[in-house]
Amino acid sequence: MAQLNAWITDTYGSPAILAHYLDLAVEMLFYLEKDSFEQIELQNVVTALKGVERVMRKVPG
């Protein structure tokens, strides 16, 4: 967790900023063209992104 936190801080400045970008990524998924991906693929990506976002919001920073 310490390495992850260091990478986040070095790359994004804080976990909150990374969480913001992850939230934007989820929003961008709503603008995909029909039939670009299977529905289950999109759902899995959204689930993964939201999970990472929740973890980042809990990391002090």
N, C-alpha and C. Protein backbone atom coordinates (compact mmCIF):
# COMPACT_ATOMS: atom_id res chain seq x y z
N MET A 1 0.82 -1.19 0.00
CA MET A 1 0.00 0.00 0.00
C MET A 1 0.87 1.26 0.00
N ALA A 2 2.02 1.18 0.67
CA ALA A 2 2.91 2.33 0.73
C ALA A 2 3.44 2.68 -0.66
N GLN A 3 3.77 1.66 -1.46
CA GLN A 3 4.26 1.92 -2.82
C GLN A 3 3.16 2.52 -3.69
N LEU A 4 1.96 2.00 -3.53
CA LEU A 4 0.83 2.54 -4.28
C LEU A 4 0.59 3.99 -3.92
N ASN A 5 0.60 4.28 -2.64
CA ASN A 5 0.38 5.65 -2.19
C ASN A 5 1.49 6.58 -2.70
N ALA A 6 2.74 6.11 -2.68
CA ALA A 6 3.86 6.92 -3.18
C ALA A 6 3.69 7.19 -4.67
N TRP A 7 3.30 6.17 -5.44
CA TRP A 7 3.10 6.36 -6.88
C TRP A 7 1.98 7.35 -7.14
N ILE A 8 0.90 7.22 -6.40
CA ILE A 8 -0.23 8.13 -6.58
C ILE A 8 0.20 9.56 -6.27
N THR A 9 0.90 9.74 -5.18
CA THR A 9 1.35 11.08 -4.79
C THR A 9 2.32 11.65 -5.81
N ASP A 10 3.27 10.84 -6.27
CA ASP A 10 4.24 11.30 -7.26
C ASP A 10 3.59 11.63 -8.60
N THR A 11 2.61 10.84 -8.98
CA THR A 11 2.00 10.98 -10.30
C THR A 11 0.86 11.98 -10.33
N TYR A 12 0.01 11.94 -9.33
CA TYR A 12 -1.20 12.75 -9.33
C TYR A 12 -1.25 13.83 -8.25
N GLY A 13 -0.39 13.75 -7.28
CA GLY A 13 -0.39 14.75 -6.21
C GLY A 13 -1.13 14.29 -4.97
N SER A 14 -2.24 13.59 -5.17
CA SER A 14 -3.00 13.07 -4.03
C SER A 14 -3.98 12.01 -4.52
N PRO A 15 -4.42 11.12 -3.61
CA PRO A 15 -5.42 10.13 -3.98
C PRO A 15 -6.73 10.77 -4.46
N ALA A 16 -7.07 11.93 -3.92
CA ALA A 16 -8.31 12.60 -4.31
C ALA A 16 -8.28 13.01 -5.78
N ILE A 17 -7.12 13.45 -6.27
CA ILE A 17 -7.01 13.84 -7.67
C ILE A 17 -7.14 12.62 -8.56
N LEU A 18 -6.48 11.51 -8.21
CA LEU A 18 -6.63 10.28 -8.98
C LEU A 18 -8.08 9.82 -8.96
N ALA A 19 -8.74 9.88 -7.83
CA ALA A 19 -10.14 9.49 -7.72
C ALA A 19 -11.00 10.35 -8.66
N HIS A 20 -10.67 11.61 -8.76
CA HIS A 20 -11.39 12.51 -9.68
C HIS A 20 -11.26 12.01 -11.12
N TYR A 21 -10.03 11.67 -11.54
CA TYR A 21 -9.82 11.18 -12.89
C TYR A 21 -10.51 9.85 -13.13
N LEU A 22 -10.52 8.99 -12.14
CA LEU A 22 -11.22 7.71 -12.27
C LEU A 22 -12.72 7.94 -12.42
N ASP A 23 -13.25 8.90 -11.68
CA ASP A 23 -14.66 9.22 -11.79
C ASP A 23 -14.98 9.73 -13.20
N LEU A 24 -14.09 10.56 -13.75
CA LEU A 24 -14.28 11.04 -15.12
C LEU A 24 -14.25 9.89 -16.11
N ALA A 25 -13.37 8.91 -15.88
CA ALA A 25 -13.29 7.76 -16.77
C ALA A 25 -14.61 7.00 -16.78
N VAL A 26 -15.22 6.85 -15.62
CA VAL A 26 -16.52 6.18 -15.55
C VAL A 26 -17.55 6.98 -16.34
N GLU A 27 -17.55 8.29 -16.20
CA GLU A 27 -18.50 9.13 -16.94
C GLU A 27 -18.29 8.99 -18.44
N MET A 28 -17.03 8.92 -18.88
CA MET A 28 -16.73 8.81 -20.31
C MET A 28 -17.28 7.53 -20.90
N LEU A 29 -17.38 6.48 -20.09
CA LEU A 29 -17.92 5.22 -20.60
C LEU A 29 -19.36 5.36 -21.08
N PHE A 30 -20.07 6.35 -20.57
CA PHE A 30 -21.45 6.55 -20.99
C PHE A 30 -21.55 7.07 -22.42
N TYR A 31 -20.44 7.56 -22.97
CA TYR A 31 -20.46 8.15 -24.31
C TYR A 31 -19.91 7.22 -25.38
N LEU A 32 -19.69 5.97 -25.05
CA LEU A 32 -19.23 5.00 -26.03
C LEU A 32 -20.32 4.73 -27.06
N GLU A 33 -19.87 4.41 -28.26
CA GLU A 33 -20.83 4.07 -29.30
C GLU A 33 -21.40 2.68 -29.04
N LYS A 34 -22.63 2.49 -29.48
CA LYS A 34 -23.30 1.21 -29.32
C LYS A 34 -22.49 0.10 -29.97
N ASP A 35 -22.42 -1.03 -29.31
CA ASP A 35 -21.75 -2.23 -29.79
C ASP A 35 -20.23 -2.12 -29.86
N SER A 36 -19.65 -1.12 -29.18
CA SER A 36 -18.19 -1.03 -29.12
C SER A 36 -17.63 -2.18 -28.29
N PHE A 37 -18.32 -2.51 -27.20
CA PHE A 37 -17.90 -3.57 -26.29
C PHE A 37 -19.13 -4.35 -25.86
N GLU A 38 -18.89 -5.54 -25.34
CA GLU A 38 -19.99 -6.32 -24.77
C GLU A 38 -20.43 -5.64 -23.47
N GLN A 39 -21.69 -5.75 -23.15
CA GLN A 39 -22.23 -5.13 -21.94
C GLN A 39 -21.48 -5.59 -20.69
N ILE A 40 -21.18 -6.86 -20.60
CA ILE A 40 -20.49 -7.39 -19.42
C ILE A 40 -19.08 -6.80 -19.31
N GLU A 41 -18.43 -6.56 -20.44
CA GLU A 41 -17.10 -5.94 -20.42
C GLU A 41 -17.18 -4.54 -19.83
N LEU A 42 -18.15 -3.77 -20.26
CA LEU A 42 -18.33 -2.42 -19.73
C LEU A 42 -18.65 -2.45 -18.24
N GLN A 43 -19.51 -3.36 -17.85
CA GLN A 43 -19.87 -3.46 -16.43
C GLN A 43 -18.65 -3.82 -15.60
N ASN A 44 -17.82 -4.71 -16.09
CA ASN A 44 -16.61 -5.09 -15.35
C ASN A 44 -15.64 -3.92 -15.23
N VAL A 45 -15.50 -3.13 -16.28
CA VAL A 45 -14.62 -1.96 -16.23
C VAL A 45 -15.15 -0.95 -15.23
N VAL A 46 -16.43 -0.68 -15.28
CA VAL A 46 -17.02 0.27 -14.33
C VAL A 46 -16.85 -0.21 -12.90
N THR A 47 -17.08 -1.48 -12.66
CA THR A 47 -16.92 -2.04 -11.32
C THR A 47 -15.48 -1.88 -10.83
N ALA A 48 -14.53 -2.18 -11.70
CA ALA A 48 -13.12 -2.04 -11.33
C ALA A 48 -12.76 -0.59 -11.05
N LEU A 49 -13.18 0.32 -11.91
CA LEU A 49 -12.86 1.74 -11.71
C LEU A 49 -13.48 2.29 -10.43
N LYS A 50 -14.71 1.93 -10.19
CA LYS A 50 -15.36 2.41 -8.96
C LYS A 50 -14.70 1.82 -7.72
N GLY A 51 -14.25 0.58 -7.80
CA GLY A 51 -13.54 -0.03 -6.67
C GLY A 51 -12.24 0.69 -6.38
N VAL A 52 -11.47 1.00 -7.43
CA VAL A 52 -10.22 1.73 -7.24
C VAL A 52 -10.51 3.12 -6.69
N GLU A 53 -11.54 3.76 -7.19
CA GLU A 53 -11.91 5.09 -6.69
C GLU A 53 -12.21 5.05 -5.20
N ARG A 54 -12.98 4.05 -4.77
CA ARG A 54 -13.30 3.95 -3.34
C ARG A 54 -12.06 3.76 -2.50
N VAL A 55 -11.12 2.92 -2.97
CA VAL A 55 -9.87 2.71 -2.23
C VAL A 55 -9.07 4.00 -2.15
N MET A 56 -9.00 4.73 -3.27
CA MET A 56 -8.22 5.97 -3.29
C MET A 56 -8.80 7.02 -2.34
N ARG A 57 -10.07 7.05 -2.21
CA ARG A 57 -10.70 8.03 -1.32
C ARG A 57 -10.41 7.71 0.16
N LYS A 58 -10.10 6.44 0.46
CA LYS A 58 -9.80 6.04 1.84
C LYS A 58 -8.33 6.24 2.20
N VAL A 59 -7.45 6.36 1.19
CA VAL A 59 -6.03 6.51 1.46
C VAL A 59 -5.77 7.95 1.89
N PRO A 60 -5.09 8.16 3.01
CA PRO A 60 -4.82 9.53 3.46
C PRO A 60 -4.00 10.28 2.41
N GLY A 61 -4.29 11.54 2.25
CA GLY A 61 -3.53 12.32 1.29
C GLY A 61 -4.23 13.57 1.02
